[in-house]
């Protein structure tokens, strides 16, 4: 398996003639925690949709562990959580996990599920409840549990902390950091720069569909002489396009 988990090569995508992604080139290494940040509409979710072959792009290429994303088999080592996760309302939490893990060809283990629910501060009793009875936070935790239990080498998470309270966010970050020991790769989008700074080896900034920066959070701060990541981010997106 390639040591490059994800490779985006000059990806260009337009909607009705308006560019959404402009020649985006980016690599994510195996075992890396990589954060993708940007304002609303910057192109983050569009890039993920291109990766998952949910939408066609105009030019460029994408590889997952060295395999073209156009091949269905390329997504075999990948687990995905969308930004707006809505499990089938009629399934119980247990039914949903059993179904998803079967798709991932991962056995359902009651003890592992209970451990994951406890780690995410989700009551195990919720396994017997239908998804329609879940709150927004519970629904998000269910989706996260499915991804983390999948055992896949790459987790693609679009705004994974959305809908989580401060305790749940802290528990999720603790659970994610434990994945480092297994060399699993995490590629996620976030509006919380504190999460990026705390968890990510490297990050990228998309602005108006263009890649403005790729490197470590420390490198971003050093580049703009900023004491915190927020000020460095603001300086980065304020740069003229040619300078960036």
Protein backbone atom coordinates (compact mmCIF):
# COMPACT_ATOMS: atom_id res chain seq x y z
CA UNK A 1 0.00 0.00 0.00
CA UNK A 2 1.28 3.46 -0.93
CA UNK A 3 2.73 5.72 1.78
CA UNK A 4 0.64 8.53 0.25
CA UNK A 5 -2.91 8.08 1.52
CA UNK A 6 -4.42 10.81 -0.65
CA UNK A 7 -3.10 12.62 -3.70
CA UNK A 8 -4.97 15.46 -5.40
CA UNK A 9 -3.27 16.51 -8.62
CA UNK A 10 -4.38 19.77 -10.29
CA UNK A 11 -8.05 19.16 -9.51
CA UNK A 12 -10.30 21.70 -11.22
CA UNK A 13 -14.06 21.82 -10.76
CA UNK A 14 -16.64 24.34 -12.00
CA UNK A 15 -20.36 24.73 -11.47
CA UNK A 16 -22.13 26.49 -14.32
CA UNK A 17 -18.87 28.08 -15.41
CA UNK A 18 -18.04 29.37 -11.93
CA UNK A 19 -14.84 27.78 -10.56
CA UNK A 20 -15.27 25.88 -7.29
CA UNK A 21 -11.79 24.29 -7.24
CA UNK A 22 -8.85 25.72 -9.15
CA UNK A 23 -5.89 23.37 -9.82
CA UNK A 24 -5.80 21.98 -6.28
CA UNK A 25 -2.73 19.79 -5.67
CA UNK A 26 -2.25 18.20 -2.27
CA UNK A 27 -0.80 15.07 -0.68
CA UNK A 28 -1.74 13.43 2.63
CA UNK A 29 0.73 10.89 3.98
CA UNK A 30 -0.23 7.55 5.47
CA UNK A 31 -0.63 7.81 9.25
CA UNK A 32 -1.00 11.59 9.11
CA UNK A 33 -3.66 13.74 10.73
CA UNK A 34 -4.50 16.38 8.13
CA UNK A 35 -6.93 19.26 8.55
CA UNK A 36 -8.63 21.14 5.71
CA UNK A 37 -9.87 24.61 6.63
CA UNK A 38 -11.50 27.52 4.88
CA UNK A 39 -14.49 29.83 4.95
CA UNK A 40 -17.96 28.62 4.02
CA UNK A 41 -18.03 28.03 0.28
CA UNK A 42 -14.24 27.74 0.00
CA UNK A 43 -14.51 24.32 -1.68
CA UNK A 44 -13.79 21.91 1.20
CA UNK A 45 -16.87 19.72 0.83
CA UNK A 46 -16.62 19.88 -2.97
CA UNK A 47 -13.09 18.49 -2.76
CA UNK A 48 -14.31 15.63 -0.58
CA UNK A 49 -17.20 14.91 -2.98
CA UNK A 50 -14.70 14.72 -5.83
CA UNK A 51 -12.56 12.33 -3.77
CA UNK A 52 -15.54 10.06 -3.16
CA UNK A 53 -16.61 10.24 -6.82
CA UNK A 54 -19.89 11.84 -5.79
CA UNK A 55 -19.37 14.50 -8.45
CA UNK A 56 -17.33 14.74 -11.64
CA UNK A 57 -14.52 17.27 -11.88
CA UNK A 58 -13.27 18.99 -15.00
CA UNK A 59 -9.60 18.02 -14.94
CA UNK A 60 -6.86 16.60 -12.74
CA UNK A 61 -6.60 13.34 -10.84
CA UNK A 62 -7.15 11.85 -7.38
CA UNK A 63 -5.55 8.74 -5.90
CA UNK A 64 -6.35 6.84 -2.69
CA UNK A 65 -3.33 4.86 -1.49
CA UNK A 66 -1.96 4.97 -5.03
CA UNK A 67 -5.19 3.78 -6.73
CA UNK A 68 -7.28 6.01 -8.97
CA UNK A 69 -10.39 7.24 -7.17
CA UNK A 70 -12.42 6.26 -10.24
CA UNK A 71 -12.04 2.60 -9.31
CA UNK A 72 -14.60 1.46 -6.75
CA UNK A 73 -11.93 -0.69 -5.08
CA UNK A 74 -9.94 2.46 -4.28
CA UNK A 75 -12.44 3.32 -1.55
CA UNK A 76 -12.22 -0.07 0.18
CA UNK A 77 -9.78 1.24 2.85
CA UNK A 78 -11.86 4.37 3.49
CA UNK A 79 -14.57 5.30 6.02
CA UNK A 80 -16.53 8.52 5.53
CA UNK A 81 -18.70 10.75 7.70
CA UNK A 82 -20.60 13.50 5.83
CA UNK A 83 -21.16 16.95 7.27
CA UNK A 84 -24.93 16.39 7.47
CA UNK A 85 -25.14 12.82 8.69
CA UNK A 86 -28.66 11.35 8.78
CA UNK A 87 -28.94 7.59 9.36
CA UNK A 88 -32.14 5.85 8.20
CA UNK A 89 -34.72 7.01 10.76
CA UNK A 90 -36.31 3.58 11.11
CA UNK A 91 -33.12 1.73 12.08
CA UNK A 92 -32.01 1.35 15.66
CA UNK A 93 -28.48 2.34 16.55
CA UNK A 94 -27.52 -1.34 16.68
CA UNK A 95 -29.15 -2.07 13.31
CA UNK A 96 -27.29 0.82 11.73
CA UNK A 97 -23.89 -0.20 13.10
CA UNK A 98 -24.42 -3.83 12.12
CA UNK A 99 -25.34 -2.75 8.60
CA UNK A 100 -22.41 -0.34 8.18
CA UNK A 101 -19.86 -2.72 9.65
CA UNK A 102 -21.12 -5.46 7.37
CA UNK A 103 -20.52 -3.15 4.40
CA UNK A 104 -16.99 -2.54 5.73
CA UNK A 105 -16.56 -6.31 6.19
CA UNK A 106 -15.79 -5.73 9.83
CA UNK A 107 -17.38 -8.01 12.45
CA UNK A 108 -19.81 -6.47 14.91
CA UNK A 109 -18.48 -6.90 18.43
CA UNK A 110 -20.72 -5.95 21.36
CA UNK A 111 -17.77 -5.23 23.64
CA UNK A 112 -16.05 -2.98 21.08
CA UNK A 113 -19.28 -1.11 20.40
CA UNK A 114 -19.89 -0.58 24.11
CA UNK A 115 -16.33 0.68 24.56
CA UNK A 116 -16.72 3.13 21.68
CA UNK A 117 -20.06 4.40 22.96
CA UNK A 118 -18.56 4.98 26.39
CA UNK A 119 -15.54 6.70 24.85
CA UNK A 120 -17.84 9.11 23.00
CA UNK A 121 -20.16 9.61 26.00
CA UNK A 122 -23.09 7.95 24.25
CA UNK A 123 -25.42 5.83 26.38
CA UNK A 124 -25.26 2.17 25.35
CA UNK A 125 -29.04 2.05 25.80
CA UNK A 126 -29.26 4.18 22.64
CA UNK A 127 -28.38 1.07 20.63
CA UNK A 128 -31.94 -0.16 21.09
CA UNK A 129 -33.54 3.17 20.12
CA UNK A 130 -34.51 4.15 16.56
CA UNK A 131 -32.42 6.88 14.95
CA UNK A 132 -35.47 9.17 14.81
CA UNK A 133 -35.30 9.39 18.62
CA UNK A 134 -31.68 10.61 18.59
CA UNK A 135 -30.71 14.20 19.25
CA UNK A 136 -28.33 15.94 16.84
CA UNK A 137 -25.38 15.24 19.11
CA UNK A 138 -26.32 11.57 19.52
CA UNK A 139 -26.69 11.20 15.76
CA UNK A 140 -23.23 12.66 15.19
CA UNK A 141 -21.71 10.33 17.77
CA UNK A 142 -23.36 7.33 16.08
CA UNK A 143 -21.78 8.30 12.76
CA UNK A 144 -18.40 8.81 14.38
CA UNK A 145 -18.65 5.45 16.12
CA UNK A 146 -19.36 3.76 12.79
CA UNK A 147 -16.26 5.31 11.20
CA UNK A 148 -13.96 4.56 14.11
CA UNK A 149 -15.21 0.97 14.48
CA UNK A 150 -14.75 0.29 10.77
CA UNK A 151 -11.03 -0.34 11.22
CA UNK A 152 -10.33 1.35 7.89
CA UNK A 153 -6.92 2.84 7.22
CA UNK A 154 -8.35 6.22 6.18
CA UNK A 155 -11.11 8.20 7.89
CA UNK A 156 -12.54 11.14 5.92
CA UNK A 157 -14.59 13.31 8.25
CA UNK A 158 -16.45 16.43 7.12
CA UNK A 159 -16.91 18.70 10.15
CA UNK A 160 -16.79 15.81 12.65
CA UNK A 161 -17.32 17.99 15.74
CA UNK A 162 -20.51 19.60 14.40
CA UNK A 163 -23.34 19.26 16.92
CA UNK A 164 -21.07 18.04 19.72
CA UNK A 165 -20.98 19.72 23.12
CA UNK A 166 -17.58 20.67 24.67
CA UNK A 167 -17.28 17.39 26.60
CA UNK A 168 -18.04 15.29 23.54
CA UNK A 169 -15.55 17.31 21.45
CA UNK A 170 -12.83 16.67 24.01
CA UNK A 171 -13.64 12.95 24.17
CA UNK A 172 -13.63 12.66 20.37
CA UNK A 173 -10.22 14.33 20.16
CA UNK A 174 -8.91 11.93 22.78
CA UNK A 175 -10.26 8.96 20.83
CA UNK A 176 -8.85 10.21 17.54
CA UNK A 177 -5.37 10.74 18.96
CA UNK A 178 -5.29 7.07 19.97
CA UNK A 179 -5.45 6.19 16.27
CA UNK A 180 -1.89 7.50 15.82
CA UNK A 181 -0.51 4.29 17.30
CA UNK A 182 -2.16 2.27 14.51
CA UNK A 183 -0.94 4.49 11.62
CA UNK A 184 -4.50 5.20 10.55
CA UNK A 185 -4.90 8.36 8.50
CA UNK A 186 -7.44 11.05 9.39
CA UNK A 187 -8.41 13.70 6.83
CA UNK A 188 -11.01 16.11 8.14
CA UNK A 189 -12.49 19.55 7.62
CA UNK A 190 -13.11 21.89 10.51
CA UNK A 191 -14.01 25.48 11.33
CA UNK A 192 -12.40 25.07 14.77
CA UNK A 193 -8.79 26.14 14.33
CA UNK A 194 -8.03 25.09 17.90
CA UNK A 195 -8.82 21.48 16.91
CA UNK A 196 -6.53 21.78 13.89
CA UNK A 197 -3.69 23.16 15.98
CA UNK A 198 -4.08 20.51 18.66
CA UNK A 199 -4.50 17.40 16.50
CA UNK A 200 -3.06 17.93 13.03
CA UNK A 201 0.41 17.16 11.75
CA UNK A 202 -0.34 19.32 8.73
CA UNK A 203 -3.14 21.46 7.40
CA UNK A 204 -4.27 23.12 4.20
CA UNK A 205 -6.21 26.31 3.61
CA UNK A 206 -8.68 26.58 0.74
CA UNK A 207 -9.89 30.04 -0.18
CA UNK A 208 -12.25 30.70 -3.09
CA UNK A 209 -11.41 27.26 -4.46
CA UNK A 210 -7.65 27.81 -4.44
CA UNK A 211 -5.06 26.22 -2.20
CA UNK A 212 -3.50 29.04 -0.19
CA UNK A 213 -1.31 27.04 2.18
CA UNK A 214 -0.23 23.49 2.99
CA UNK A 215 2.07 22.68 5.89
CA UNK A 216 2.16 22.41 9.66
CA UNK A 217 0.18 24.79 11.87
CA UNK A 218 3.49 26.09 13.25
CA UNK A 219 4.73 26.79 9.72
CA UNK A 220 1.61 28.85 9.00
CA UNK A 221 2.16 30.95 12.12
CA UNK A 222 5.84 31.39 11.30
CA UNK A 223 5.06 32.45 7.73
CA UNK A 224 2.88 35.33 8.89
CA UNK A 225 4.68 36.08 12.15
CA UNK A 226 1.51 35.39 14.13
CA UNK A 227 1.24 34.29 17.72
CA UNK A 228 -1.90 32.26 17.15
CA UNK A 229 -3.39 30.21 14.34
CA UNK A 230 -6.49 32.37 13.94
CA UNK A 231 -4.48 35.49 13.10
CA UNK A 232 -2.26 33.49 10.74
CA UNK A 233 -5.36 32.12 8.98
CA UNK A 234 -6.82 35.61 8.57
CA UNK A 235 -3.55 36.88 7.14
CA UNK A 236 -3.39 33.95 4.73
CA UNK A 237 -6.86 34.42 3.24
CA UNK A 238 -6.31 38.19 3.05
CA UNK A 239 -3.27 37.78 0.79
CA UNK A 240 -3.77 38.65 -2.88
CA UNK A 241 -4.22 35.53 -5.01
CA UNK A 242 -0.91 35.98 -6.85
CA UNK A 243 1.04 36.29 -3.60
CA UNK A 244 -0.63 33.22 -2.12
